[in-house]
Structure formats: structure tokens, C-alpha cells
Amino acid sequence: MKLLNKSATHYWYTRNAQTWVSKYDQQWTSFDCNIQPVGTAEWFDMATVYKTKKLYCDYSWIVVWDKITVDWKTFIAKSIESRDGNLRKFYKVIIQESEWN
């Protein structure tokens, strides 16, 4: 398991089925995580490698398009993988730095 040395804030993405208006909830949840850079082995083009990171956590409520704030930077969840470690289950989330807040 990775060392959980950062604190992140999770905002849920919601979309109204009738009006198609999307928004992020004002309520948030704080959780511990670890952020790692991605490598070229993940097959990202060079433009997105520098804005894409791997987030490791044992917090299971993140879904694609949710907003995550770490160290005053805003990221959007792009994919989530469930992993089974030696001692406990954890999640690997590919996040991309957002141009918007």
C-alpha cells in the first residue's frame, strides 16, 4: 500500500436528467491519499502526461467526472481501478488537472 501523505477534497458531479445542467455539489468529503506522476507506460500523449497523475486511496466513493482538490490544484477523475493490496483494498484513480475550478 502506498503511504497516504496528502489530504484531498472530493466534490460529487451531478447532472439533471431533464435540464442536462451539470454541477458539483457544495458538500464535500476530505480523505487521505497519495499522488504519483504517470509514466509514458500508461500510453498518454505528451500533452496530457504533465497534467495527469495517479491518485491512490482507500476512499471508495469517487466516480468518473468527480472533482478532487489536492494542494490547491483541482483535478477531474478520469478512471478508477479497484486494487487488492497485501493488507487491504485500495483504489487507483487517474486524475487530470482541470483548467477550471
N, C-alpha and C. Protein backbone atom coordinates (compact mmCIF):
# COMPACT_ATOMS: atom_id res chain seq x y z
N MET A 1 0.84 -1.18 0.00
CA MET A 1 0.00 0.00 0.00
C MET A 1 0.87 1.24 0.00
N LYS A 2 0.44 2.22 -0.70
CA LYS A 2 1.14 3.50 -0.76
C LYS A 2 0.95 4.27 0.55
N LEU A 3 1.93 5.08 0.88
CA LEU A 3 1.82 5.96 2.03
C LEU A 3 0.83 7.07 1.73
N LEU A 4 -0.17 7.22 2.55
CA LEU A 4 -1.20 8.24 2.33
C LEU A 4 -0.74 9.54 2.99
N ASN A 5 -0.01 10.35 2.24
CA ASN A 5 0.65 11.52 2.81
C ASN A 5 0.01 12.86 2.43
N LYS A 6 -1.11 12.84 1.72
CA LYS A 6 -1.79 14.08 1.31
C LYS A 6 -3.25 14.00 1.73
N SER A 7 -3.86 15.16 1.84
CA SER A 7 -5.28 15.24 2.12
C SER A 7 -5.97 15.81 0.89
N ALA A 8 -7.04 15.17 0.46
CA ALA A 8 -7.78 15.59 -0.73
C ALA A 8 -9.22 15.91 -0.35
N THR A 9 -9.85 16.71 -1.19
CA THR A 9 -11.26 17.06 -1.01
C THR A 9 -12.03 16.57 -2.23
N HIS A 10 -13.13 15.87 -1.99
CA HIS A 10 -13.92 15.25 -3.06
C HIS A 10 -15.23 16.00 -3.21
N TYR A 11 -15.55 16.41 -4.45
CA TYR A 11 -16.83 17.04 -4.78
C TYR A 11 -17.55 16.15 -5.79
N TRP A 12 -18.81 15.82 -5.53
CA TRP A 12 -19.57 14.93 -6.42
C TRP A 12 -20.10 15.69 -7.63
N TYR A 13 -19.99 15.04 -8.79
CA TYR A 13 -20.52 15.56 -10.04
C TYR A 13 -21.94 15.06 -10.20
N THR A 14 -22.88 15.96 -10.47
CA THR A 14 -24.27 15.57 -10.70
C THR A 14 -24.77 16.23 -11.98
N ARG A 15 -25.73 15.57 -12.62
CA ARG A 15 -26.32 16.10 -13.84
C ARG A 15 -27.82 15.86 -13.81
N ASN A 16 -28.59 16.93 -14.03
CA ASN A 16 -30.04 16.85 -14.02
C ASN A 16 -30.51 16.16 -15.31
N ALA A 17 -31.32 15.12 -15.18
CA ALA A 17 -31.78 14.35 -16.34
C ALA A 17 -32.72 15.14 -17.25
N GLN A 18 -33.49 16.08 -16.70
CA GLN A 18 -34.43 16.85 -17.52
C GLN A 18 -33.77 18.05 -18.19
N THR A 19 -33.00 18.81 -17.44
CA THR A 19 -32.42 20.05 -17.99
C THR A 19 -31.01 19.87 -18.53
N TRP A 20 -30.37 18.75 -18.24
CA TRP A 20 -28.99 18.45 -18.66
C TRP A 20 -27.96 19.42 -18.08
N VAL A 21 -28.34 20.11 -17.00
CA VAL A 21 -27.41 21.02 -16.35
C VAL A 21 -26.54 20.20 -15.39
N SER A 22 -25.24 20.35 -15.50
CA SER A 22 -24.33 19.63 -14.62
C SER A 22 -23.72 20.59 -13.62
N LYS A 23 -23.39 20.05 -12.44
CA LYS A 23 -22.80 20.88 -11.40
C LYS A 23 -22.04 19.99 -10.42
N TYR A 24 -21.26 20.62 -9.57
CA TYR A 24 -20.57 19.93 -8.49
C TYR A 24 -21.24 20.32 -7.18
N ASP A 25 -21.50 19.33 -6.34
CA ASP A 25 -22.15 19.59 -5.06
C ASP A 25 -21.31 20.49 -4.19
N GLN A 26 -21.96 21.30 -3.40
CA GLN A 26 -21.27 22.18 -2.45
C GLN A 26 -20.77 21.39 -1.24
N GLN A 27 -21.41 20.26 -0.94
CA GLN A 27 -20.93 19.43 0.15
C GLN A 27 -19.70 18.67 -0.32
N TRP A 28 -18.75 18.48 0.57
CA TRP A 28 -17.52 17.81 0.20
C TRP A 28 -17.09 16.85 1.28
N THR A 29 -16.18 15.96 0.92
CA THR A 29 -15.62 14.99 1.85
C THR A 29 -14.11 15.05 1.75
N SER A 30 -13.45 15.01 2.88
CA SER A 30 -11.99 15.01 2.92
C SER A 30 -11.51 13.57 3.14
N PHE A 31 -10.43 13.19 2.44
CA PHE A 31 -9.87 11.85 2.60
C PHE A 31 -8.36 11.90 2.38
N ASP A 32 -7.64 10.90 2.87
CA ASP A 32 -6.19 10.80 2.71
C ASP A 32 -5.86 10.08 1.42
N CYS A 33 -4.76 10.51 0.79
CA CYS A 33 -4.40 9.91 -0.50
C CYS A 33 -2.89 10.05 -0.73
N ASN A 34 -2.45 9.50 -1.84
CA ASN A 34 -1.09 9.63 -2.31
C ASN A 34 -1.16 9.96 -3.79
N ILE A 35 -0.36 10.92 -4.25
CA ILE A 35 -0.35 11.33 -5.65
C ILE A 35 0.99 10.92 -6.26
N GLN A 36 0.94 10.30 -7.42
CA GLN A 36 2.13 9.87 -8.15
C GLN A 36 2.05 10.37 -9.59
N PRO A 37 3.19 10.68 -10.20
CA PRO A 37 3.14 11.04 -11.62
C PRO A 37 2.88 9.81 -12.49
N VAL A 38 2.31 10.01 -13.66
CA VAL A 38 2.15 8.91 -14.61
C VAL A 38 3.40 8.83 -15.47
N GLY A 39 3.64 7.67 -16.01
CA GLY A 39 4.77 7.50 -16.91
C GLY A 39 4.28 7.28 -18.33
N THR A 40 5.21 7.23 -19.24
CA THR A 40 4.83 7.00 -20.64
C THR A 40 4.32 5.58 -20.84
N ALA A 41 4.52 4.70 -19.88
CA ALA A 41 3.99 3.33 -19.98
C ALA A 41 2.47 3.32 -19.94
N GLU A 42 1.85 4.38 -19.42
CA GLU A 42 0.39 4.46 -19.39
C GLU A 42 -0.17 4.89 -20.75
N TRP A 43 0.64 5.17 -21.71
CA TRP A 43 0.27 5.48 -23.08
C TRP A 43 -0.55 6.76 -23.22
N PHE A 44 -0.16 7.78 -22.51
CA PHE A 44 -0.77 9.09 -22.69
C PHE A 44 0.10 9.86 -23.67
N ASP A 45 -0.52 10.75 -24.45
CA ASP A 45 0.32 11.58 -25.31
C ASP A 45 1.03 12.62 -24.45
N MET A 46 2.09 13.19 -24.96
CA MET A 46 2.94 14.06 -24.16
C MET A 46 2.22 15.29 -23.63
N ALA A 47 1.19 15.76 -24.30
CA ALA A 47 0.46 16.95 -23.84
C ALA A 47 -0.28 16.67 -22.54
N THR A 48 -0.78 15.45 -22.37
CA THR A 48 -1.55 15.16 -21.17
C THR A 48 -0.73 14.52 -20.06
N VAL A 49 0.47 14.03 -20.35
CA VAL A 49 1.29 13.39 -19.32
C VAL A 49 1.59 14.36 -18.19
N TYR A 50 1.86 15.60 -18.50
CA TYR A 50 2.26 16.56 -17.49
C TYR A 50 1.09 17.02 -16.62
N LYS A 51 -0.13 16.87 -17.08
CA LYS A 51 -1.30 17.28 -16.30
C LYS A 51 -2.04 16.09 -15.70
N THR A 52 -1.56 14.88 -15.93
CA THR A 52 -2.23 13.67 -15.46
C THR A 52 -1.42 13.05 -14.33
N LYS A 53 -2.12 12.59 -13.29
CA LYS A 53 -1.49 11.98 -12.13
C LYS A 53 -2.25 10.71 -11.75
N LYS A 54 -1.62 9.91 -10.91
CA LYS A 54 -2.27 8.74 -10.32
C LYS A 54 -2.53 9.05 -8.85
N LEU A 55 -3.76 8.86 -8.41
CA LEU A 55 -4.13 9.07 -7.02
C LEU A 55 -4.43 7.70 -6.42
N TYR A 56 -3.78 7.38 -5.30
CA TYR A 56 -4.03 6.14 -4.59
C TYR A 56 -4.72 6.47 -3.28
N CYS A 57 -5.80 5.73 -2.97
CA CYS A 57 -6.53 5.97 -1.72
C CYS A 57 -7.33 4.72 -1.36
N ASP A 58 -7.86 4.72 -0.15
CA ASP A 58 -8.79 3.64 0.23
C ASP A 58 -10.21 4.18 0.37
N TYR A 59 -10.43 5.36 -0.17
CA TYR A 59 -11.75 6.01 -0.19
C TYR A 59 -12.48 5.55 -1.46
N SER A 60 -13.65 4.94 -1.31
CA SER A 60 -14.29 4.24 -2.43
C SER A 60 -15.42 4.99 -3.12
N TRP A 61 -15.67 6.24 -2.78
CA TRP A 61 -16.84 6.94 -3.31
C TRP A 61 -16.57 7.77 -4.56
N ILE A 62 -15.40 7.74 -5.10
CA ILE A 62 -15.07 8.53 -6.29
C ILE A 62 -15.61 7.84 -7.54
N VAL A 63 -16.22 8.61 -8.43
CA VAL A 63 -16.66 8.12 -9.73
C VAL A 63 -16.10 9.05 -10.81
N VAL A 64 -16.15 8.61 -12.06
CA VAL A 64 -15.63 9.39 -13.18
C VAL A 64 -16.36 10.73 -13.24
N TRP A 65 -15.63 11.79 -13.50
CA TRP A 65 -16.05 13.19 -13.61
C TRP A 65 -16.15 13.91 -12.28
N ASP A 66 -15.92 13.23 -11.16
CA ASP A 66 -15.90 13.92 -9.88
C ASP A 66 -14.70 14.84 -9.79
N LYS A 67 -14.82 15.89 -8.99
CA LYS A 67 -13.74 16.86 -8.81
C LYS A 67 -13.00 16.55 -7.52
N ILE A 68 -11.66 16.58 -7.60
CA ILE A 68 -10.81 16.31 -6.44
C ILE A 68 -9.80 17.44 -6.34
N THR A 69 -9.71 18.03 -5.16
CA THR A 69 -8.78 19.12 -4.93
C THR A 69 -7.68 18.64 -3.99
N VAL A 70 -6.41 18.80 -4.44
CA VAL A 70 -5.24 18.43 -3.65
C VAL A 70 -4.22 19.54 -3.78
N ASP A 71 -3.71 20.02 -2.66
CA ASP A 71 -2.68 21.08 -2.66
C ASP A 71 -3.08 22.28 -3.51
N TRP A 72 -4.32 22.72 -3.37
CA TRP A 72 -4.85 23.88 -4.07
C TRP A 72 -4.96 23.69 -5.58
N LYS A 73 -4.80 22.47 -6.08
CA LYS A 73 -4.99 22.17 -7.50
C LYS A 73 -6.26 21.35 -7.65
N THR A 74 -6.98 21.61 -8.72
CA THR A 74 -8.23 20.90 -8.98
C THR A 74 -8.00 19.86 -10.07
N PHE A 75 -8.46 18.64 -9.81
CA PHE A 75 -8.33 17.53 -10.76
C PHE A 75 -9.72 16.95 -11.03
N ILE A 76 -9.86 16.32 -12.19
CA ILE A 76 -11.09 15.62 -12.56
C ILE A 76 -10.75 14.13 -12.68
N ALA A 77 -11.57 13.28 -12.06
CA ALA A 77 -11.35 11.83 -12.12
C ALA A 77 -11.66 11.32 -13.52
N LYS A 78 -10.71 10.63 -14.13
CA LYS A 78 -10.87 10.10 -15.49
C LYS A 78 -11.14 8.59 -15.50
N SER A 79 -10.54 7.85 -14.59
CA SER A 79 -10.80 6.41 -14.50
C SER A 79 -10.47 5.93 -13.09
N ILE A 80 -11.13 4.86 -12.68
CA ILE A 80 -10.94 4.29 -11.34
C ILE A 80 -10.71 2.80 -11.47
N GLU A 81 -9.69 2.30 -10.77
CA GLU A 81 -9.41 0.87 -10.73
C GLU A 81 -9.39 0.43 -9.27
N SER A 82 -10.06 -0.66 -8.97
CA SER A 82 -10.03 -1.25 -7.64
C SER A 82 -8.86 -2.23 -7.58
N ARG A 83 -8.04 -2.11 -6.57
CA ARG A 83 -6.87 -2.98 -6.41
C ARG A 83 -6.92 -3.67 -5.06
N ASP A 84 -6.45 -4.89 -5.00
CA ASP A 84 -6.33 -5.61 -3.73
C ASP A 84 -4.86 -5.66 -3.35
N GLY A 85 -4.51 -4.96 -2.28
CA GLY A 85 -3.14 -4.96 -1.78
C GLY A 85 -2.90 -6.13 -0.85
N ASN A 86 -1.72 -6.17 -0.28
CA ASN A 86 -1.39 -7.25 0.64
C ASN A 86 -2.22 -7.21 1.91
N LEU A 87 -2.47 -6.01 2.42
CA LEU A 87 -3.18 -5.89 3.69
C LEU A 87 -4.60 -5.37 3.55
N ARG A 88 -4.88 -4.59 2.51
CA ARG A 88 -6.22 -4.03 2.35
C ARG A 88 -6.47 -3.62 0.91
N LYS A 89 -7.72 -3.38 0.63
CA LYS A 89 -8.15 -2.94 -0.70
C LYS A 89 -7.89 -1.45 -0.85
N PHE A 90 -7.46 -1.03 -2.04
CA PHE A 90 -7.27 0.39 -2.30
C PHE A 90 -7.67 0.69 -3.73
N TYR A 91 -7.70 1.98 -4.09
CA TYR A 91 -8.16 2.42 -5.39
C TYR A 91 -7.09 3.25 -6.08
N LYS A 92 -6.94 3.02 -7.38
CA LYS A 92 -6.05 3.82 -8.21
C LYS A 92 -6.94 4.65 -9.12
N VAL A 93 -6.84 5.96 -9.01
CA VAL A 93 -7.68 6.88 -9.77
C VAL A 93 -6.77 7.70 -10.68
N ILE A 94 -7.04 7.67 -11.97
CA ILE A 94 -6.32 8.54 -12.91
C ILE A 94 -7.03 9.88 -12.89
N ILE A 95 -6.29 10.93 -12.53
CA ILE A 95 -6.87 12.27 -12.44
C ILE A 95 -6.12 13.21 -13.38
N GLN A 96 -6.84 14.17 -13.93
CA GLN A 96 -6.25 15.13 -14.83
C GLN A 96 -6.50 16.53 -14.31
N GLU A 97 -5.46 17.35 -14.32
CA GLU A 97 -5.59 18.71 -13.82
C GLU A 97 -6.61 19.48 -14.63
N SER A 98 -7.47 20.20 -13.93
CA SER A 98 -8.55 20.93 -14.55
C SER A 98 -8.11 22.34 -14.93
N GLU A 99 -8.61 22.82 -16.06
CA GLU A 99 -8.36 24.19 -16.47
C GLU A 99 -9.28 25.15 -15.71
N TRP A 100 -10.37 24.61 -15.15
CA TRP A 100 -11.35 25.40 -14.42
C TRP A 100 -11.33 24.99 -12.96
N ASN A 101 -11.92 25.78 -12.11
CA ASN A 101 -12.04 25.41 -10.70
C ASN A 101 -13.43 25.00 -10.47
